[in-house]
Amino acid sequence: MTYFYTIELNAIEKALTLVSDHILRLQEKANKRNDKPTVLLVDRIHEKLNAAREHLSGLKATTVVLALLLFVAQAQALSKAAAKDLVRSAHTVSQYQQLASYFHEQEVTFRIEAAVEKRELDRRAQVNAGLMQKYPRPVDSAQYWYTSYVSQADAAAALTQHYIQLSGK
């Protein structure tokens, strides 16, 4: 998934570079014509483009850091099978804490997925397609996934609280 975002950010950066080059050519033409208002306007646009490019570089760096953090978290986290085995055999405080941590991570993951689907649901709800759409409509699918992720997050939160209580925290 991170690879996809990196490719998208690279495409945006390339588009910004092309637009910036075009703006610089406009600025040169305005300078040749001695058109001061246009030169000032193009200068402001160019500054905004540079700021956007810097922000984009920060996003690319953040994407790489998040990918590394995700990799480390996945390496340290319990697998689904290990968590299932631990649920069956847990009887110490540290095991209950480990399970609480696992289910908390699951809750966070599902809440993030729900937020993504909520944005997609809102975007799809804006589309005014005809009344004769086939079921399931795209908005129905997004609603289903959003509801599913929220439900899974709530279940994981309940399990987190359960194992926190068992650990005595």
Foldseek 3Di string as FASTA:
>chain_A
DLVVVLVVLVVVLVVLVVVLVVLVVVLVVCVVVVPVVSNVVSVVVNVVSVVVNVVSVVVNVVSVVVVVVVVVCVVPADDPVRLVVLVVVPDALVSLLNNLVNLLVLLVVLVVQLVVLVVVLVVQVPDDDDPPDDPPDPNNVSVVSNVVSNVSSVVSNVSSVVSCVVSPD
